[in-house]
Amino acid sequence: MGTNKFEAKKKKVSESKIENFINNKKEVSKVGRKPKDLEQKKTKMVSLYFSESDYQIIKERADKKRLSVSQYITSSLFE
């Protein structure tokens, strides 16, 4: 049975680090990519929450302009 390509890329944490974490209740060092400094990022992600009725209104307006909801909101912000 072959390994999943995602499983093959996973890095393993050594047992000593796990034991150290359990015994000393210290954080295990994070494995993987180092996140970019937020100040250096060129884009930011934003989450918006709407009531169901507000979302339907926005969706109808977006459909009239043949845009997705996110495209409609973005275009409305920068008009």
PDB file of N, CA and C in Angstrom:
ATOM      1  N   MET A   1       0.840  -1.177   0.000  1.00  0.00           N
ATOM      2  CA  MET A   1       0.000   0.000   0.000  1.00  0.00           C
ATOM      3  C   MET A   1       0.886   1.240   0.000  1.00  0.00           C
ATOM      4  N   GLY A   2       0.669   2.172  -0.954  1.00  0.00           N
ATOM      5  CA  GLY A   2       1.485   3.380  -1.071  1.00  0.00           C
ATOM      6  C   GLY A   2       1.140   4.404  -0.006  1.00  0.00           C
ATOM      7  N   THR A   3       2.076   5.289   0.211  1.00  0.00           N
ATOM      8  CA  THR A   3       1.817   6.343   1.195  1.00  0.00           C
ATOM      9  C   THR A   3       1.183   7.534   0.512  1.00  0.00           C
ATOM     10  N   ASN A   4       0.320   8.169   1.210  1.00  0.00           N
ATOM     11  CA  ASN A   4      -0.318   9.388   0.756  1.00  0.00           C
ATOM     12  C   ASN A   4       0.759  10.457   0.618  1.00  0.00           C
ATOM     13  N   LYS A   5       0.683  11.300  -0.430  1.00  0.00           N
ATOM     14  CA  LYS A   5       1.731  12.303  -0.624  1.00  0.00           C
ATOM     15  C   LYS A   5       1.801  13.287   0.537  1.00  0.00           C
ATOM     16  N   PHE A   6       0.674  13.512   1.223  1.00  0.00           N
ATOM     17  CA  PHE A   6       0.686  14.408   2.372  1.00  0.00           C
ATOM     18  C   PHE A   6       1.338  13.741   3.577  1.00  0.00           C
ATOM     19  N   GLU A   7       1.103  12.437   3.730  1.00  0.00           N
ATOM     20  CA  GLU A   7       1.725  11.703   4.830  1.00  0.00           C
ATOM     21  C   GLU A   7       3.231  11.658   4.655  1.00  0.00           C
ATOM     22  N   ALA A   8       3.679  11.530   3.418  1.00  0.00           N
ATOM     23  CA  ALA A   8       5.110  11.445   3.150  1.00  0.00           C
ATOM     24  C   ALA A   8       5.821  12.739   3.518  1.00  0.00           C
ATOM     25  N   LYS A   9       5.127  13.866   3.427  1.00  0.00           N
ATOM     26  CA  LYS A   9       5.744  15.158   3.721  1.00  0.00           C
ATOM     27  C   LYS A   9       5.702  15.519   5.201  1.00  0.00           C
ATOM     28  N   LYS A  10       4.897  14.808   5.978  1.00  0.00           N
ATOM     29  CA  LYS A  10       4.790  15.126   7.404  1.00  0.00           C
ATOM     30  C   LYS A  10       6.126  14.916   8.085  1.00  0.00           C
ATOM     31  N   LYS A  11       6.471  15.843   8.967  1.00  0.00           N
ATOM     32  CA  LYS A  11       7.691  15.678   9.747  1.00  0.00           C
ATOM     33  C   LYS A  11       7.299  15.060  11.072  1.00  0.00           C
ATOM     34  N   LYS A  12       8.124  14.163  11.541  1.00  0.00           N
ATOM     35  CA  LYS A  12       7.801  13.484  12.790  1.00  0.00           C
ATOM     36  C   LYS A  12       8.461  14.194  13.959  1.00  0.00           C
ATOM     37  N   VAL A  13       7.756  14.258  15.069  1.00  0.00           N
ATOM     38  CA  VAL A  13       8.294  14.821  16.300  1.00  0.00           C
ATOM     39  C   VAL A  13       8.907  13.664  17.070  1.00  0.00           C
ATOM     40  N   SER A  14      10.138  13.852  17.511  1.00  0.00           N
ATOM     41  CA  SER A  14      10.822  12.752  18.198  1.00  0.00           C
ATOM     42  C   SER A  14      10.141  12.436  19.525  1.00  0.00           C
ATOM     43  N   GLU A  15      10.269  11.179  19.947  1.00  0.00           N
ATOM     44  CA  GLU A  15       9.655  10.748  21.206  1.00  0.00           C
ATOM     45  C   GLU A  15      10.205  11.538  22.380  1.00  0.00           C
ATOM     46  N   SER A  16      11.483  11.901  22.330  1.00  0.00           N
ATOM     47  CA  SER A  16      12.075  12.653  23.444  1.00  0.00           C
ATOM     48  C   SER A  16      11.403  14.016  23.601  1.00  0.00           C
ATOM     49  N   LYS A  17      11.034  14.653  22.485  1.00  0.00           N
ATOM     50  CA  LYS A  17      10.342  15.943  22.568  1.00  0.00           C
ATOM     51  C   LYS A  17       8.959  15.766  23.176  1.00  0.00           C
ATOM     52  N   ILE A  18       8.290  14.680  22.822  1.00  0.00           N
ATOM     53  CA  ILE A  18       6.963  14.412  23.369  1.00  0.00           C
ATOM     54  C   ILE A  18       7.061  14.125  24.861  1.00  0.00           C
ATOM     55  N   GLU A  19       8.035  13.295  25.251  1.00  0.00           N
ATOM     56  CA  GLU A  19       8.231  13.000  26.674  1.00  0.00           C
ATOM     57  C   GLU A  19       8.574  14.269  27.443  1.00  0.00           C
ATOM     58  N   ASN A  20       9.419  15.097  26.872  1.00  0.00           N
ATOM     59  CA  ASN A  20       9.800  16.360  27.497  1.00  0.00           C
ATOM     60  C   ASN A  20       8.566  17.241  27.705  1.00  0.00           C
ATOM     61  N   PHE A  21       7.702  17.267  26.698  1.00  0.00           N
ATOM     62  CA  PHE A  21       6.479  18.055  26.789  1.00  0.00           C
ATOM     63  C   PHE A  21       5.581  17.547  27.915  1.00  0.00           C
ATOM     64  N   ILE A  22       5.411  16.229  27.992  1.00  0.00           N
ATOM     65  CA  ILE A  22       4.547  15.633  29.010  1.00  0.00           C
ATOM     66  C   ILE A  22       5.132  15.840  30.404  1.00  0.00           C
ATOM     67  N   ASN A  23       6.421  15.573  30.552  1.00  0.00           N
ATOM     68  CA  ASN A  23       7.057  15.660  31.869  1.00  0.00           C
ATOM     69  C   ASN A  23       7.239  17.094  32.352  1.00  0.00           C
ATOM     70  N   ASN A  24       7.628  17.974  31.479  1.00  0.00           N
ATOM     71  CA  ASN A  24       7.931  19.345  31.886  1.00  0.00           C
ATOM     72  C   ASN A  24       6.830  20.333  31.533  1.00  0.00           C
ATOM     73  N   LYS A  25       5.827  19.853  30.833  1.00  0.00           N
ATOM     74  CA  LYS A  25       4.716  20.685  30.381  1.00  0.00           C
ATOM     75  C   LYS A  25       5.219  21.908  29.623  1.00  0.00           C
ATOM     76  N   LYS A  26       6.271  21.678  28.848  1.00  0.00           N
ATOM     77  CA  LYS A  26       6.799  22.730  27.987  1.00  0.00           C
ATOM     78  C   LYS A  26       6.263  22.496  26.591  1.00  0.00           C
ATOM     79  N   GLU A  27       6.235  23.555  25.824  1.00  0.00           N
ATOM     80  CA  GLU A  27       5.719  23.469  24.465  1.00  0.00           C
ATOM     81  C   GLU A  27       6.708  22.733  23.572  1.00  0.00           C
ATOM     82  N   VAL A  28       6.184  21.839  22.756  1.00  0.00           N
ATOM     83  CA  VAL A  28       7.015  21.158  21.768  1.00  0.00           C
ATOM     84  C   VAL A  28       7.279  22.169  20.656  1.00  0.00           C
ATOM     85  N   SER A  29       8.520  22.233  20.195  1.00  0.00           N
ATOM     86  CA  SER A  29       8.827  23.190  19.132  1.00  0.00           C
ATOM     87  C   SER A  29       7.967  22.874  17.917  1.00  0.00           C
ATOM     88  N   LYS A  30       7.498  23.918  17.262  1.00  0.00           N
ATOM     89  CA  LYS A  30       6.613  23.742  16.119  1.00  0.00           C
ATOM     90  C   LYS A  30       7.408  23.239  14.930  1.00  0.00           C
ATOM     91  N   VAL A  31       6.787  22.340  14.178  1.00  0.00           N
ATOM     92  CA  VAL A  31       7.435  21.735  13.029  1.00  0.00           C
ATOM     93  C   VAL A  31       6.737  22.248  11.780  1.00  0.00           C
ATOM     94  N   GLY A  32       7.485  22.604  10.768  1.00  0.00           N
ATOM     95  CA  GLY A  32       6.887  23.053   9.523  1.00  0.00           C
ATOM     96  C   GLY A  32       7.359  24.440   9.153  1.00  0.00           C
ATOM     97  N   ARG A  33       6.605  25.074   8.295  1.00  0.00           N
ATOM     98  CA  ARG A  33       6.981  26.400   7.823  1.00  0.00           C
ATOM     99  C   ARG A  33       6.864  27.443   8.920  1.00  0.00           C
ATOM    100  N   LYS A  34       7.774  28.391   8.870  1.00  0.00           N
ATOM    101  CA  LYS A  34       7.710  29.523   9.792  1.00  0.00           C
ATOM    102  C   LYS A  34       6.731  30.532   9.194  1.00  0.00           C
ATOM    103  N   PRO A  35       5.735  30.972   9.957  1.00  0.00           N
ATOM    104  CA  PRO A  35       4.772  31.923   9.399  1.00  0.00           C
ATOM    105  C   PRO A  35       5.436  33.264   9.111  1.00  0.00           C
ATOM    106  N   LYS A  36       4.962  33.925   8.077  1.00  0.00           N
ATOM    107  CA  LYS A  36       5.494  35.241   7.742  1.00  0.00           C
ATOM    108  C   LYS A  36       5.073  36.240   8.803  1.00  0.00           C
ATOM    109  N   ASP A  37       5.907  37.236   8.993  1.00  0.00           N
ATOM    110  CA  ASP A  37       5.573  38.325   9.894  1.00  0.00           C
ATOM    111  C   ASP A  37       4.368  39.055   9.298  1.00  0.00           C
ATOM    112  N   LEU A  38       3.342  39.284  10.090  1.00  0.00           N
ATOM    113  CA  LEU A  38       2.113  39.894   9.581  1.00  0.00           C
ATOM    114  C   LEU A  38       2.359  41.259   8.954  1.00  0.00           C
ATOM    115  N   GLU A  39       3.335  41.997   9.461  1.00  0.00           N
ATOM    116  CA  GLU A  39       3.620  43.313   8.911  1.00  0.00           C
ATOM    117  C   GLU A  39       4.227  43.219   7.511  1.00  0.00           C
ATOM    118  N   GLN A  40       4.880  42.113   7.196  1.00  0.00           N
ATOM    119  CA  GLN A  40       5.517  41.956   5.890  1.00  0.00           C
ATOM    120  C   GLN A  40       4.552  41.410   4.841  1.00  0.00           C
ATOM    121  N   LYS A  41       3.425  40.881   5.267  1.00  0.00           N
ATOM    122  CA  LYS A  41       2.460  40.333   4.316  1.00  0.00           C
ATOM    123  C   LYS A  41       1.873  41.462   3.479  1.00  0.00           C
ATOM    124  N   LYS A  42       1.627  41.171   2.209  1.00  0.00           N
ATOM    125  CA  LYS A  42       1.073  42.174   1.313  1.00  0.00           C
ATOM    126  C   LYS A  42      -0.447  42.156   1.317  1.00  0.00           C
ATOM    127  N   THR A  43      -1.037  41.058   1.738  1.00  0.00           N
ATOM    128  CA  THR A  43      -2.491  40.961   1.794  1.00  0.00           C
ATOM    129  C   THR A  43      -2.917  40.510   3.184  1.00  0.00           C
ATOM    130  N   LYS A  44      -4.121  40.835   3.542  1.00  0.00           N
ATOM    131  CA  LYS A  44      -4.689  40.433   4.830  1.00  0.00           C
ATOM    132  C   LYS A  44      -6.011  39.728   4.542  1.00  0.00           C
ATOM    133  N   MET A  45      -6.329  38.734   5.353  1.00  0.00           N
ATOM    134  CA  MET A  45      -7.592  38.033   5.198  1.00  0.00           C
ATOM    135  C   MET A  45      -8.591  38.636   6.180  1.00  0.00           C
ATOM    136  N   VAL A  46      -9.803  38.815   5.712  1.00  0.00           N
ATOM    137  CA  VAL A  46     -10.853  39.399   6.535  1.00  0.00           C
ATOM    138  C   VAL A  46     -12.062  38.477   6.493  1.00  0.00           C
ATOM    139  N   SER A  47     -12.693  38.283   7.630  1.00  0.00           N
ATOM    140  CA  SER A  47     -13.925  37.503   7.682  1.00  0.00           C
ATOM    141  C   SER A  47     -15.089  38.448   7.945  1.00  0.00           C
ATOM    142  N   LEU A  48     -16.127  38.300   7.165  1.00  0.00           N
ATOM    143  CA  LEU A  48     -17.328  39.107   7.348  1.00  0.00           C
ATOM    144  C   LEU A  48     -18.495  38.170   7.618  1.00  0.00           C
ATOM    145  N   TYR A  49     -19.332  38.547   8.544  1.00  0.00           N
ATOM    146  CA  TYR A  49     -20.489  37.729   8.890  1.00  0.00           C
ATOM    147  C   TYR A  49     -21.753  38.547   8.669  1.00  0.00           C
ATOM    148  N   PHE A  50     -22.710  37.965   7.951  1.00  0.00           N
ATOM    149  CA  PHE A  50     -23.976  38.621   7.659  1.00  0.00           C
ATOM    150  C   PHE A  50     -25.120  37.751   8.146  1.00  0.00           C
ATOM    151  N   SER A  51     -26.231  38.399   8.463  1.00  0.00           N
ATOM    152  CA  SER A  51     -27.435  37.628   8.758  1.00  0.00           C
ATOM    153  C   SER A  51     -27.877  36.981   7.448  1.00  0.00           C
ATOM    154  N   GLU A  52     -28.685  35.962   7.541  1.00  0.00           N
ATOM    155  CA  GLU A  52     -29.135  35.247   6.338  1.00  0.00           C
ATOM    156  C   GLU A  52     -29.862  36.191   5.382  1.00  0.00           C
ATOM    157  N   SER A  53     -30.709  37.069   5.922  1.00  0.00           N
ATOM    158  CA  SER A  53     -31.463  37.990   5.058  1.00  0.00           C
ATOM    159  C   SER A  53     -30.532  38.994   4.377  1.00  0.00           C
ATOM    160  N   ASP A  54     -29.552  39.531   5.115  1.00  0.00           N
ATOM    161  CA  ASP A  54     -28.595  40.464   4.512  1.00  0.00           C
ATOM    162  C   ASP A  54     -27.771  39.770   3.432  1.00  0.00           C
ATOM    163  N   TYR A  55     -27.372  38.533   3.701  1.00  0.00           N
ATOM    164  CA  TYR A  55     -26.582  37.782   2.724  1.00  0.00           C
ATOM    165  C   TYR A  55     -27.384  37.574   1.438  1.00  0.00           C
ATOM    166  N   GLN A  56     -28.668  37.260   1.572  1.00  0.00           N
ATOM    167  CA  GLN A  56     -29.504  37.040   0.386  1.00  0.00           C
ATOM    168  C   GLN A  56     -29.613  38.314  -0.447  1.00  0.00           C
ATOM    169  N   ILE A  57     -29.730  39.462   0.217  1.00  0.00           N
ATOM    170  CA  ILE A  57     -29.803  40.742  -0.502  1.00  0.00           C
ATOM    171  C   ILE A  57     -28.503  40.980  -1.271  1.00  0.00           C
ATOM    172  N   ILE A  58     -27.380  40.767  -0.594  1.00  0.00           N
ATOM    173  CA  ILE A  58     -26.076  40.965  -1.233  1.00  0.00           C
ATOM    174  C   ILE A  58     -25.901  39.984  -2.388  1.00  0.00           C
ATOM    175  N   LYS A  59     -26.324  38.737  -2.183  1.00  0.00           N
ATOM    176  CA  LYS A  59     -26.198  37.718  -3.230  1.00  0.00           C
ATOM    177  C   LYS A  59     -27.030  38.089  -4.453  1.00  0.00           C
ATOM    178  N   GLU A  60     -28.237  38.598  -4.256  1.00  0.00           N
ATOM    179  CA  GLU A  60     -29.086  39.008  -5.379  1.00  0.00           C
ATOM    180  C   GLU A  60     -28.433  40.138  -6.168  1.00  0.00           C
ATOM    181  N   ARG A  61     -27.873  41.120  -5.451  1.00  0.00           N
ATOM    182  CA  ARG A  61     -27.198  42.239  -6.115  1.00  0.00           C
ATOM    183  C   ARG A  61     -25.972  41.752  -6.890  1.00  0.00           C
ATOM    184  N   ALA A  62     -25.230  40.823  -6.291  1.00  0.00           N
ATOM    185  CA  ALA A  62     -24.044  40.271  -6.956  1.00  0.00           C
ATOM    186  C   ALA A  62     -24.449  39.497  -8.208  1.00  0.00           C
ATOM    187  N   ASP A  63     -25.531  38.724  -8.112  1.00  0.00           N
ATOM    188  CA  ASP A  63     -26.006  37.949  -9.262  1.00  0.00           C
ATOM    189  C   ASP A  63     -26.410  38.866 -10.417  1.00  0.00           C
ATOM    190  N   LYS A  64     -27.032  40.011 -10.095  1.00  0.00           N
ATOM    191  CA  LYS A  64     -27.434  40.961 -11.141  1.00  0.00           C
ATOM    192  C   LYS A  64     -26.216  41.479 -11.903  1.00  0.00           C
ATOM    193  N   LYS A  65     -25.104  41.647 -11.187  1.00  0.00           N
ATOM    194  CA  LYS A  65     -23.875  42.135 -11.827  1.00  0.00           C
ATOM    195  C   LYS A  65     -22.988  40.986 -12.312  1.00  0.00           C
ATOM    196  N   ARG A  66     -23.495  39.755 -12.144  1.00  0.00           N
ATOM    197  CA  ARG A  66     -22.759  38.540 -12.537  1.00  0.00           C
ATOM    198  C   ARG A  66     -21.399  38.458 -11.846  1.00  0.00           C
ATOM    199  N   LEU A  67     -21.409  38.718 -10.550  1.00  0.00           N
ATOM    200  CA  LEU A  67     -20.213  38.626  -9.716  1.00  0.00           C
ATOM    201  C   LEU A  67     -20.464  37.650  -8.582  1.00  0.00           C
ATOM    202  N   SER A  68     -19.384  37.140  -8.007  1.00  0.00           N
ATOM    203  CA  SER A  68     -19.537  36.355  -6.782  1.00  0.00           C
ATOM    204  C   SER A  68     -19.782  37.340  -5.645  1.00  0.00           C
ATOM    205  N   VAL A  69     -20.228  36.842  -4.519  1.00  0.00           N
ATOM    206  CA  VAL A  69     -20.493  37.713  -3.370  1.00  0.00           C
ATOM    207  C   VAL A  69     -19.216  38.438  -2.953  1.00  0.00           C
ATOM    208  N   SER A  70     -18.105  37.715  -2.882  1.00  0.00           N
ATOM    209  CA  SER A  70     -16.853  38.357  -2.465  1.00  0.00           C
ATOM    210  C   SER A  70     -16.397  39.399  -3.485  1.00  0.00           C
ATOM    211  N   GLN A  71     -16.562  39.121  -4.780  1.00  0.00           N
ATOM    212  CA  GLN A  71     -16.203  40.106  -5.802  1.00  0.00           C
ATOM    213  C   GLN A  71     -17.089  41.344  -5.691  1.00  0.00           C
ATOM    214  N   TYR A  72     -18.380  41.126  -5.437  1.00  0.00           N
ATOM    215  CA  TYR A  72     -19.311  42.243  -5.306  1.00  0.00           C
ATOM    216  C   TYR A  72     -18.942  43.128  -4.115  1.00  0.00           C
ATOM    217  N   ILE A  73     -18.662  42.508  -2.980  1.00  0.00           N
ATOM    218  CA  ILE A  73     -18.303  43.274  -1.782  1.00  0.00           C
ATOM    219  C   ILE A  73     -17.020  44.057  -2.030  1.00  0.00           C
ATOM    220  N   THR A  74     -16.021  43.401  -2.621  1.00  0.00           N
ATOM    221  CA  THR A  74     -14.745  44.067  -2.893  1.00  0.00           C
ATOM    222  C   THR A  74     -14.932  45.225  -3.861  1.00  0.00           C
ATOM    223  N   SER A  75     -15.702  45.006  -4.924  1.00  0.00           N
ATOM    224  CA  SER A  75     -15.910  46.081  -5.899  1.00  0.00           C
ATOM    225  C   SER A  75     -16.687  47.240  -5.274  1.00  0.00           C
ATOM    226  N   SER A  76     -17.611  46.941  -4.366  1.00  0.00           N
ATOM    227  CA  SER A  76     -18.379  47.992  -3.700  1.00  0.00           C
ATOM    228  C   SER A  76     -17.507  48.821  -2.763  1.00  0.00           C
ATOM    229  N   LEU A  77     -16.536  48.185  -2.154  1.00  0.00           N
ATOM    230  CA  LEU A  77     -15.650  48.897  -1.231  1.00  0.00           C
ATOM    231  C   LEU A  77     -14.756  49.898  -1.947  1.00  0.00           C
ATOM    232  N   PHE A  78     -14.341  49.564  -3.167  1.00  0.00           N
ATOM    233  CA  PHE A  78     -13.361  50.393  -3.864  1.00  0.00           C
ATOM    234  C   PHE A  78     -13.956  51.225  -4.989  1.00  0.00           C
ATOM    235  N   GLU A  79     -15.275  51.447  -4.977  1.00  0.00           N
ATOM    236  CA  GLU A  79     -15.915  52.287  -6.001  1.00  0.00           C
ATOM    237  C   GLU A  79     -15.637  53.738  -5.730  1.00  0.00           C
TER     238      GLU A  79
END
